[in-house]
């Protein structure tokens, strides 16, 4: 049976304990590893709006890159089976690499994105989406309606109906979200304010060498369940 606390599950990349993970928790205001609000928030001068407003939506998801988007467990599947399947999957895979990570403005929000060739990261994500789709319950009509926006292209609509989420497979872009969507001028100011603080923490090169199983509690916040190394 699913854990009684969790209503949805997802497979993420979450950084190992260290300065970058601490920054992410203190910036967003949620420590996904500890499952709690961090003891302090990071202080960044010259932000265009209050940090709580900048980070309101991504806060509950924790500092992460989505690999398989959140899903409800299919009938008859259990959290223990999902965790065991992730362990077996990771043992058979090798780490994925890029030249590094960098802070970027993606339209109306900020994120960390890969430098150089991101194809190995995207290929791993596609493998995860396909391999774990049997654990995903079909979308409800309400879930389908929520994701079916006029902005979706034909490939994204096809992904939504086949994989339960539009931005997967060929429509996937690896990123670690840092802000909500805001007017581009505000996002540019946030980028300028944050760049000097976060850039020294970013790995070069970047190695994605673990996958994390996470669960969404009834409060809407995500918690780390297990973090598994690639390649055993």
Protein backbone atom coordinates (compact mmCIF):
# COMPACT_ATOMS: atom_id res chain seq x y z
CA UNK A 1 0.00 0.00 0.00
CA UNK A 2 1.14 3.61 -0.49
CA UNK A 3 2.60 5.35 2.54
CA UNK A 4 -0.43 6.90 4.31
CA UNK A 5 1.33 10.26 4.39
CA UNK A 6 1.96 10.49 0.66
CA UNK A 7 -0.63 11.22 -2.01
CA UNK A 8 1.77 11.36 -4.98
CA UNK A 9 5.29 10.21 -5.79
CA UNK A 10 7.99 11.47 -8.15
CA UNK A 11 11.56 10.68 -9.15
CA UNK A 12 13.89 13.63 -8.81
CA UNK A 13 17.51 14.53 -8.89
CA UNK A 14 18.36 16.10 -5.52
CA UNK A 15 21.91 17.22 -4.75
CA UNK A 16 23.97 15.48 -2.09
CA UNK A 17 24.28 17.12 1.31
CA UNK A 18 26.60 20.10 1.02
CA UNK A 19 26.70 23.82 0.21
CA UNK A 20 24.51 23.63 -2.92
CA UNK A 21 21.81 21.58 -1.21
CA UNK A 22 21.84 23.94 1.79
CA UNK A 23 21.55 26.94 -0.50
CA UNK A 24 18.56 25.39 -2.27
CA UNK A 25 16.76 24.59 0.98
CA UNK A 26 17.43 28.03 2.50
CA UNK A 27 16.54 29.84 -0.72
CA UNK A 28 13.24 28.01 -1.30
CA UNK A 29 12.32 27.73 2.37
CA UNK A 30 11.84 23.94 2.40
CA UNK A 31 14.41 21.23 3.14
CA UNK A 32 13.21 18.22 1.15
CA UNK A 33 15.85 15.95 2.70
CA UNK A 34 14.96 16.79 6.31
CA UNK A 35 11.26 17.25 5.58
CA UNK A 36 11.01 20.57 7.36
CA UNK A 37 11.39 24.32 7.02
CA UNK A 38 15.10 25.21 7.36
CA UNK A 39 16.24 26.98 10.50
CA UNK A 40 17.05 30.12 8.50
CA UNK A 41 16.42 31.68 5.11
CA UNK A 42 19.26 32.83 2.91
CA UNK A 43 19.75 36.62 2.77
CA UNK A 44 20.14 38.08 -0.73
CA UNK A 45 20.24 41.88 -1.08
CA UNK A 46 18.56 43.74 -3.93
CA UNK A 47 15.85 41.19 -4.76
CA UNK A 48 13.01 42.87 -6.69
CA UNK A 49 10.30 41.39 -4.40
CA UNK A 50 10.31 39.47 -1.13
CA UNK A 51 11.97 36.05 -1.27
CA UNK A 52 8.77 34.34 -0.09
CA UNK A 53 6.87 35.74 -3.07
CA UNK A 54 9.66 34.83 -5.47
CA UNK A 55 9.68 31.20 -4.35
CA UNK A 56 6.09 30.46 -3.33
CA UNK A 57 5.24 27.71 -5.85
CA UNK A 58 8.59 25.85 -6.11
CA UNK A 59 8.97 25.86 -2.31
CA UNK A 60 6.77 22.84 -1.68
CA UNK A 61 8.53 20.74 -4.32
CA UNK A 62 11.96 21.26 -2.75
CA UNK A 63 15.28 21.91 -4.49
CA UNK A 64 15.40 19.40 -7.32
CA UNK A 65 15.35 18.58 -11.00
CA UNK A 66 12.28 16.62 -12.04
CA UNK A 67 13.09 13.31 -13.73
CA UNK A 68 9.66 11.61 -13.59
CA UNK A 69 6.93 14.13 -12.75
CA UNK A 70 4.61 13.59 -9.77
CA UNK A 71 2.05 10.80 -10.14
CA UNK A 72 -0.45 8.85 -8.09
CA UNK A 73 0.36 5.18 -7.64
CA UNK A 74 -1.56 2.80 -9.88
CA UNK A 75 -4.02 0.45 -8.23
CA UNK A 76 -2.28 -2.53 -6.70
CA UNK A 77 1.17 -0.93 -6.71
CA UNK A 78 2.99 -0.09 -3.48
CA UNK A 79 5.62 2.36 -2.33
CA UNK A 80 7.87 -0.57 -1.39
CA UNK A 81 7.64 -1.95 -4.95
CA UNK A 82 8.41 1.48 -6.38
CA UNK A 83 11.43 1.90 -4.10
CA UNK A 84 12.75 -1.56 -4.96
CA UNK A 85 12.27 -0.92 -8.68
CA UNK A 86 14.22 2.34 -8.40
CA UNK A 87 17.06 0.56 -6.60
CA UNK A 88 17.24 -2.08 -9.35
CA UNK A 89 17.02 0.53 -12.11
CA UNK A 90 19.81 2.64 -10.63
CA UNK A 91 22.08 -0.39 -10.22
CA UNK A 92 21.87 -1.01 -13.97
CA UNK A 93 22.52 2.61 -15.02
CA UNK A 94 25.62 4.78 -15.18
CA UNK A 95 25.89 8.44 -14.14
CA UNK A 96 25.09 11.18 -16.66
CA UNK A 97 27.30 14.22 -17.13
CA UNK A 98 27.32 17.76 -18.45
CA UNK A 99 29.98 20.47 -18.43
CA UNK A 100 28.45 22.08 -15.36
CA UNK A 101 25.45 23.98 -14.07
CA UNK A 102 24.67 27.66 -14.50
CA UNK A 103 22.05 30.14 -13.32
CA UNK A 104 19.72 31.07 -16.18
CA UNK A 105 16.61 33.09 -16.84
CA UNK A 106 14.10 30.83 -18.61
CA UNK A 107 11.56 33.35 -19.76
CA UNK A 108 9.67 34.34 -16.62
CA UNK A 109 11.54 32.26 -14.01
CA UNK A 110 15.04 31.43 -12.79
CA UNK A 111 16.57 27.96 -12.77
CA UNK A 112 19.85 26.12 -12.77
CA UNK A 113 20.44 24.53 -16.17
CA UNK A 114 23.19 22.35 -17.66
CA UNK A 115 26.16 23.81 -19.47
CA UNK A 116 27.25 22.11 -22.66
CA UNK A 117 25.62 18.94 -23.95
CA UNK A 118 22.49 18.12 -21.93
CA UNK A 119 21.53 15.09 -24.03
CA UNK A 120 22.87 12.50 -21.53
CA UNK A 121 20.65 14.03 -18.82
CA UNK A 122 17.62 14.09 -21.11
CA UNK A 123 18.23 10.50 -22.21
CA UNK A 124 18.33 9.31 -18.61
CA UNK A 125 15.10 11.18 -17.86
CA UNK A 126 13.36 9.56 -20.83
CA UNK A 127 14.49 6.12 -19.64
CA UNK A 128 13.05 6.82 -16.19
CA UNK A 129 9.73 8.10 -17.56
CA UNK A 130 9.28 4.96 -19.64
CA UNK A 131 10.59 2.45 -17.10
CA UNK A 132 8.33 3.63 -14.26
CA UNK A 133 5.16 4.39 -16.17
CA UNK A 134 3.61 1.15 -14.96
CA UNK A 135 3.54 2.64 -11.46
CA UNK A 136 1.53 5.68 -12.58
CA UNK A 137 -2.24 5.80 -12.19
CA UNK A 138 -4.07 7.23 -15.22
CA UNK A 139 -4.84 10.91 -15.07
CA UNK A 140 -8.24 11.89 -13.78
CA UNK A 141 -10.38 14.22 -15.85
CA UNK A 142 -9.51 17.03 -13.45
CA UNK A 143 -5.77 16.35 -13.76
CA UNK A 144 -6.02 16.22 -17.54
CA UNK A 145 -7.91 19.50 -17.64
CA UNK A 146 -5.38 21.17 -15.33
CA UNK A 147 -2.49 20.32 -17.66
CA UNK A 148 -4.36 20.95 -20.93
CA UNK A 149 -3.49 24.60 -21.55
CA UNK A 150 -3.80 26.36 -24.93
CA UNK A 151 -0.01 26.85 -24.97
CA UNK A 152 0.70 23.13 -25.44
CA UNK A 153 1.96 22.05 -28.84
CA UNK A 154 0.96 18.78 -30.54
CA UNK A 155 3.92 16.82 -29.13
CA UNK A 156 3.18 18.07 -25.60
CA UNK A 157 -0.48 17.10 -25.92
CA UNK A 158 0.59 13.64 -27.07
CA UNK A 159 2.97 13.34 -24.11
CA UNK A 160 0.22 14.38 -21.72
CA UNK A 161 -2.08 11.62 -22.89
CA UNK A 162 0.65 8.96 -23.21
CA UNK A 163 2.92 9.74 -20.23
CA UNK A 164 0.73 11.86 -17.95
CA UNK A 165 2.74 15.08 -18.35
CA UNK A 166 3.45 17.34 -21.35
CA UNK A 167 7.10 18.26 -20.72
CA UNK A 168 8.75 14.86 -21.04
CA UNK A 169 10.60 12.87 -23.71
CA UNK A 170 11.51 15.19 -26.63
CA UNK A 171 9.83 18.12 -24.83
CA UNK A 172 11.97 17.72 -21.71
CA UNK A 173 14.44 20.35 -20.50
CA UNK A 174 16.55 19.52 -17.45
CA UNK A 175 16.44 22.32 -14.88
CA UNK A 176 16.30 23.06 -11.15
CA UNK A 177 13.60 25.69 -10.57
CA UNK A 178 14.45 28.59 -8.25
CA UNK A 179 11.52 31.00 -8.65
CA UNK A 180 7.89 31.32 -9.61
CA UNK A 181 7.01 32.89 -12.91
CA UNK A 182 7.15 36.68 -12.66
CA UNK A 183 7.46 39.61 -15.09
CA UNK A 184 10.70 39.26 -17.03
CA UNK A 185 12.12 42.52 -15.67
CA UNK A 186 11.69 41.27 -12.11
CA UNK A 187 13.28 37.94 -13.00
CA UNK A 188 16.25 39.73 -14.56
CA UNK A 189 16.74 41.72 -11.34
CA UNK A 190 16.54 38.52 -9.28
CA UNK A 191 19.17 36.94 -11.57
CA UNK A 192 21.51 39.87 -11.03
CA UNK A 193 20.98 39.76 -7.26
CA UNK A 194 21.47 35.99 -6.98
CA UNK A 195 24.29 35.34 -9.46
CA UNK A 196 27.25 36.16 -7.24
CA UNK A 197 25.78 34.13 -4.37
CA UNK A 198 24.99 30.93 -6.26
CA UNK A 199 27.64 30.75 -8.99
CA UNK A 200 30.54 29.72 -6.68
CA UNK A 201 28.43 26.76 -5.49
CA UNK A 202 27.76 25.32 -8.94
CA UNK A 203 29.61 22.15 -9.99
CA UNK A 204 31.83 22.10 -13.08
CA UNK A 205 31.59 19.47 -14.42
CA UNK A 206 28.21 18.28 -13.23
CA UNK A 207 27.55 14.59 -12.59
CA UNK A 208 24.06 13.25 -12.04
CA UNK A 209 24.97 10.17 -10.03
CA UNK A 210 21.86 9.57 -7.90
CA UNK A 211 18.09 9.43 -8.29
CA UNK A 212 15.72 10.31 -5.48
CA UNK A 213 12.30 8.86 -4.74
CA UNK A 214 10.14 11.54 -3.15
CA UNK A 215 6.59 11.68 -1.83
CA UNK A 216 4.07 14.50 -1.59
CA UNK A 217 2.44 14.74 1.84
CA UNK A 218 -1.14 15.80 2.45
CA UNK A 219 0.20 19.31 3.10
CA UNK A 220 1.45 19.47 -0.50
CA UNK A 221 5.15 19.43 0.45
CA UNK A 222 7.56 16.84 -0.95
CA UNK A 223 9.81 14.66 1.22
CA UNK A 224 12.85 12.56 0.33
CA UNK A 225 12.13 8.82 0.73
CA UNK A 226 15.36 7.37 -0.65
CA UNK A 227 18.35 8.54 -2.67
CA UNK A 228 19.98 5.81 -4.74
CA UNK A 229 23.36 5.93 -6.53
CA UNK A 230 23.54 5.14 -10.23
CA UNK A 231 25.72 2.17 -10.98
CA UNK A 232 25.08 0.58 -7.59
